[in-house]
Amino acid sequence: MLSNKRIQELELVMEFEKVEECFKEVSSWIENVGRKRLKETVNLDDSLEMLLQAQKQFKEFDLVASEYCKRGQEALKKMNQWEDFSFVDVHSYRVKLQTYGDQLEEFCTQLDETRHRVCETVRLYEFFDKVRQGICCTEEAAES
């Protein structure tokens, strides 16, 4: 029984090492690319044309960022089996997993919030643009 327990522990450690490589790549991308790009979308331009351009660029970034989020989440799911084991030896791995999971969750939440904010800002600007055009058309008709 003890031998089986040790074999399971070794298998989990080997699995963790594979998953950790994925997390390192995802984590590195989040820190070096993802967070910087999210910060760039904090200040959205004040013209509809510029905002639509920013939205297009964000959508391209969002596709890549969503893929990294998906990869990280899939790696976390692989490691859910660790919850069933209470080996003292794997505690440090669980701590690392929790750190990666927290970072991933925070970034994915920020990505979702930014996606929503960009979409809502575009909708608002489009609405105001239609209102402005309606007012201009109404004023031109009244002057005629």
C-alpha atoms as a PDB file:
ATOM      1  CA  MET A   1       0.000   0.000   0.000  1.00  0.00           C
ATOM      2  CA  LEU A   2       2.807   2.362   0.889  1.00  0.00           C
ATOM      3  CA  SER A   3       4.502   1.539  -2.406  1.00  0.00           C
ATOM      4  CA  ASN A   4       1.325   2.346  -4.352  1.00  0.00           C
ATOM      5  CA  LYS A   5       1.025   5.617  -2.480  1.00  0.00           C
ATOM      6  CA  ARG A   6       4.606   6.562  -3.374  1.00  0.00           C
ATOM      7  CA  ILE A   7       4.059   5.627  -7.034  1.00  0.00           C
ATOM      8  CA  GLN A   8       0.950   7.846  -7.149  1.00  0.00           C
ATOM      9  CA  GLU A   9       2.907  10.655  -5.568  1.00  0.00           C
ATOM     10  CA  LEU A  10       5.705  10.314  -8.144  1.00  0.00           C
ATOM     11  CA  GLU A  11       3.177  10.240 -10.985  1.00  0.00           C
ATOM     12  CA  LEU A  12       1.598  13.423  -9.670  1.00  0.00           C
ATOM     13  CA  VAL A  13       4.989  15.115  -9.383  1.00  0.00           C
ATOM     14  CA  MET A  14       5.808  14.159 -12.969  1.00  0.00           C
ATOM     15  CA  GLU A  15       2.403  15.431 -14.112  1.00  0.00           C
ATOM     16  CA  PHE A  16       2.935  18.641 -12.187  1.00  0.00           C
ATOM     17  CA  GLU A  17       6.228  19.254 -13.943  1.00  0.00           C
ATOM     18  CA  LYS A  18       4.486  19.022 -17.324  1.00  0.00           C
ATOM     19  CA  VAL A  19       1.698  21.307 -16.187  1.00  0.00           C
ATOM     20  CA  GLU A  20       4.160  23.710 -14.596  1.00  0.00           C
ATOM     21  CA  GLU A  21       5.863  24.230 -17.964  1.00  0.00           C
ATOM     22  CA  CYS A  22       2.512  25.239 -19.417  1.00  0.00           C
ATOM     23  CA  PHE A  23       1.854  27.557 -16.468  1.00  0.00           C
ATOM     24  CA  LYS A  24       5.268  29.145 -16.767  1.00  0.00           C
ATOM     25  CA  GLU A  25       4.570  29.941 -20.411  1.00  0.00           C
ATOM     26  CA  VAL A  26       1.077  31.265 -19.648  1.00  0.00           C
ATOM     27  CA  SER A  27       2.320  33.217 -16.627  1.00  0.00           C
ATOM     28  CA  SER A  28       5.184  34.742 -18.590  1.00  0.00           C
ATOM     29  CA  TRP A  29       2.814  35.831 -21.362  1.00  0.00           C
ATOM     30  CA  ILE A  30       0.392  37.344 -18.841  1.00  0.00           C
ATOM     31  CA  GLU A  31       3.157  39.338 -17.149  1.00  0.00           C
ATOM     32  CA  ASN A  32       5.101  40.400 -20.261  1.00  0.00           C
ATOM     33  CA  VAL A  33       2.298  40.937 -22.778  1.00  0.00           C
ATOM     34  CA  GLY A  34      -1.189  40.513 -21.346  1.00  0.00           C
ATOM     35  CA  ARG A  35      -1.135  42.989 -18.471  1.00  0.00           C
ATOM     36  CA  LYS A  36       0.588  45.646 -20.590  1.00  0.00           C
ATOM     37  CA  ARG A  37      -2.027  45.331 -23.329  1.00  0.00           C
ATOM     38  CA  LEU A  38      -4.863  45.538 -20.811  1.00  0.00           C
ATOM     39  CA  LYS A  39      -3.346  48.716 -19.366  1.00  0.00           C
ATOM     40  CA  GLU A  40      -3.219  50.208 -22.878  1.00  0.00           C
ATOM     41  CA  THR A  41      -6.995  49.870 -23.177  1.00  0.00           C
ATOM     42  CA  VAL A  42      -7.659  51.849 -19.995  1.00  0.00           C
ATOM     43  CA  ASN A  43      -7.730  55.161 -21.894  1.00  0.00           C
ATOM     44  CA  LEU A  44     -10.075  54.759 -24.810  1.00  0.00           C
ATOM     45  CA  ASP A  45     -10.054  57.471 -27.463  1.00  0.00           C
ATOM     46  CA  ASP A  46     -12.784  60.063 -27.611  1.00  0.00           C
ATOM     47  CA  SER A  47     -13.858  59.675 -31.230  1.00  0.00           C
ATOM     48  CA  LEU A  48     -15.988  56.851 -32.567  1.00  0.00           C
ATOM     49  CA  GLU A  49     -13.552  56.158 -35.387  1.00  0.00           C
ATOM     50  CA  MET A  50     -10.572  55.836 -33.016  1.00  0.00           C
ATOM     51  CA  LEU A  51     -12.642  53.799 -30.587  1.00  0.00           C
ATOM     52  CA  LEU A  52     -13.660  51.353 -33.320  1.00  0.00           C
ATOM     53  CA  GLN A  53      -9.989  50.968 -34.254  1.00  0.00           C
ATOM     54  CA  ALA A  54      -9.120  50.321 -30.598  1.00  0.00           C
ATOM     55  CA  GLN A  55     -11.947  47.778 -30.414  1.00  0.00           C
ATOM     56  CA  LYS A  56     -10.605  45.960 -33.464  1.00  0.00           C
ATOM     57  CA  GLN A  57      -7.120  45.820 -31.972  1.00  0.00           C
ATOM     58  CA  PHE A  58      -8.529  44.656 -28.648  1.00  0.00           C
ATOM     59  CA  LYS A  59     -10.502  41.868 -30.341  1.00  0.00           C
ATOM     60  CA  GLU A  60      -7.291  40.575 -31.929  1.00  0.00           C
ATOM     61  CA  PHE A  61      -5.552  40.678 -28.553  1.00  0.00           C
ATOM     62  CA  ASP A  62      -8.606  39.139 -26.870  1.00  0.00           C
ATOM     63  CA  LEU A  63      -8.437  36.072 -29.132  1.00  0.00           C
ATOM     64  CA  VAL A  64      -4.839  35.404 -28.121  1.00  0.00           C
ATOM     65  CA  ALA A  65      -5.418  36.232 -24.446  1.00  0.00           C
ATOM     66  CA  SER A  66      -8.493  33.999 -24.297  1.00  0.00           C
ATOM     67  CA  GLU A  67      -6.439  31.140 -25.703  1.00  0.00           C
ATOM     68  CA  TYR A  68      -3.832  31.600 -22.970  1.00  0.00           C
ATOM     69  CA  CYS A  69      -6.603  31.705 -20.346  1.00  0.00           C
ATOM     70  CA  LYS A  70      -8.091  28.521 -21.784  1.00  0.00           C
ATOM     71  CA  ARG A  71      -4.725  26.738 -21.753  1.00  0.00           C
ATOM     72  CA  GLY A  72      -4.120  27.749 -18.159  1.00  0.00           C
ATOM     73  CA  GLN A  73      -7.590  26.648 -17.075  1.00  0.00           C
ATOM     74  CA  GLU A  74      -7.186  23.284 -18.800  1.00  0.00           C
ATOM     75  CA  ALA A  75      -3.877  22.765 -17.011  1.00  0.00           C
ATOM     76  CA  LEU A  76      -5.566  23.565 -13.687  1.00  0.00           C
ATOM     77  CA  LYS A  77      -8.280  21.009 -14.420  1.00  0.00           C
ATOM     78  CA  LYS A  78      -5.614  18.367 -14.982  1.00  0.00           C
ATOM     79  CA  MET A  79      -4.310  19.065 -11.529  1.00  0.00           C
ATOM     80  CA  ASN A  80      -7.698  18.886  -9.794  1.00  0.00           C
ATOM     81  CA  GLN A  81      -6.825  15.286  -8.928  1.00  0.00           C
ATOM     82  CA  TRP A  82      -4.356  16.687  -6.393  1.00  0.00           C
ATOM     83  CA  GLU A  83      -7.287  17.608  -4.192  1.00  0.00           C
ATOM     84  CA  ASP A  84      -7.773  13.912  -3.434  1.00  0.00           C
ATOM     85  CA  PHE A  85      -4.269  13.444  -2.096  1.00  0.00           C
ATOM     86  CA  SER A  86      -3.021  14.633   1.257  1.00  0.00           C
ATOM     87  CA  PHE A  87       0.663  13.903   0.880  1.00  0.00           C
ATOM     88  CA  VAL A  88       2.861  16.227   2.861  1.00  0.00           C
ATOM     89  CA  ASP A  89       5.456  16.001   0.090  1.00  0.00           C
ATOM     90  CA  VAL A  90       3.194  17.653  -2.490  1.00  0.00           C
ATOM     91  CA  HIS A  91       2.271  20.698  -0.389  1.00  0.00           C
ATOM     92  CA  SER A  92       4.830  22.939  -2.121  1.00  0.00           C
ATOM     93  CA  TYR A  93       3.344  21.944  -5.485  1.00  0.00           C
ATOM     94  CA  ARG A  94      -0.130  22.848  -4.294  1.00  0.00           C
ATOM     95  CA  VAL A  95       1.129  26.264  -3.207  1.00  0.00           C
ATOM     96  CA  LYS A  96       2.615  26.846  -6.665  1.00  0.00           C
ATOM     97  CA  LEU A  97      -0.625  25.690  -8.280  1.00  0.00           C
ATOM     98  CA  GLN A  98      -2.625  28.082  -6.114  1.00  0.00           C
ATOM     99  CA  THR A  99      -0.328  30.957  -7.072  1.00  0.00           C
ATOM    100  CA  TYR A 100      -0.661  30.166 -10.776  1.00  0.00           C
ATOM    101  CA  GLY A 101      -4.410  29.723 -10.406  1.00  0.00           C
ATOM    102  CA  ASP A 102      -4.807  33.064  -8.630  1.00  0.00           C
ATOM    103  CA  GLN A 103      -2.760  34.871 -11.280  1.00  0.00           C
ATOM    104  CA  LEU A 104      -4.726  33.233 -14.066  1.00  0.00           C
ATOM    105  CA  GLU A 105      -8.083  33.979 -12.462  1.00  0.00           C
ATOM    106  CA  GLU A 106      -7.163  37.622 -11.870  1.00  0.00           C
ATOM    107  CA  PHE A 107      -6.007  38.111 -15.455  1.00  0.00           C
ATOM    108  CA  CYS A 108      -9.023  36.347 -16.975  1.00  0.00           C
ATOM    109  CA  THR A 109     -11.345  38.486 -14.830  1.00  0.00           C
ATOM    110  CA  GLN A 110      -9.566  41.668 -15.946  1.00  0.00           C
ATOM    111  CA  LEU A 111      -9.807  40.487 -19.547  1.00  0.00           C
ATOM    112  CA  ASP A 112     -13.560  39.911 -19.208  1.00  0.00           C
ATOM    113  CA  GLU A 113     -14.064  43.310 -17.559  1.00  0.00           C
ATOM    114  CA  THR A 114     -12.045  45.068 -20.261  1.00  0.00           C
ATOM    115  CA  ARG A 115     -13.923  43.238 -23.015  1.00  0.00           C
ATOM    116  CA  HIS A 116     -17.224  44.363 -21.490  1.00  0.00           C
ATOM    117  CA  ARG A 117     -16.011  47.953 -20.982  1.00  0.00           C
ATOM    118  CA  VAL A 118     -14.761  48.273 -24.575  1.00  0.00           C
ATOM    119  CA  CYS A 119     -18.007  46.859 -25.949  1.00  0.00           C
ATOM    120  CA  GLU A 120     -20.171  49.127 -23.789  1.00  0.00           C
ATOM    121  CA  THR A 121     -18.066  52.192 -24.628  1.00  0.00           C
ATOM    122  CA  VAL A 122     -18.418  51.500 -28.351  1.00  0.00           C
ATOM    123  CA  ARG A 123     -22.169  51.053 -27.973  1.00  0.00           C
ATOM    124  CA  LEU A 124     -22.413  54.315 -26.053  1.00  0.00           C
ATOM    125  CA  TYR A 125     -20.373  56.234 -28.629  1.00  0.00           C
ATOM    126  CA  GLU A 126     -22.446  54.747 -31.453  1.00  0.00           C
ATOM    127  CA  PHE A 127     -25.613  55.821 -29.666  1.00  0.00           C
ATOM    128  CA  PHE A 128     -24.316  59.363 -29.147  1.00  0.00           C
ATOM    129  CA  ASP A 129     -23.184  59.492 -32.770  1.00  0.00           C
ATOM    130  CA  LYS A 130     -26.707  58.546 -33.920  1.00  0.00           C
ATOM    131  CA  VAL A 131     -28.225  61.137 -31.584  1.00  0.00           C
ATOM    132  CA  ARG A 132     -25.828  63.791 -32.881  1.00  0.00           C
ATOM    133  CA  GLN A 133     -26.657  62.898 -36.478  1.00  0.00           C
ATOM    134  CA  GLY A 134     -30.370  62.993 -35.643  1.00  0.00           C
ATOM    135  CA  ILE A 135     -30.020  66.439 -34.093  1.00  0.00           C
ATOM    136  CA  CYS A 136     -28.037  67.714 -37.072  1.00  0.00           C
ATOM    137  CA  CYS A 137     -30.633  66.336 -39.508  1.00  0.00           C
ATOM    138  CA  THR A 138     -33.459  67.851 -37.469  1.00  0.00           C
ATOM    139  CA  GLU A 139     -31.736  71.250 -37.373  1.00  0.00           C
ATOM    140  CA  GLU A 140     -31.071  71.150 -41.131  1.00  0.00           C
ATOM    141  CA  ALA A 141     -34.716  70.265 -41.820  1.00  0.00           C
ATOM    142  CA  ALA A 142     -35.893  73.078 -39.557  1.00  0.00           C
ATOM    143  CA  GLU A 143     -33.653  75.594 -41.347  1.00  0.00           C
ATOM    144  CA  SER A 144     -35.045  74.608 -44.760  1.00  0.00           C
END
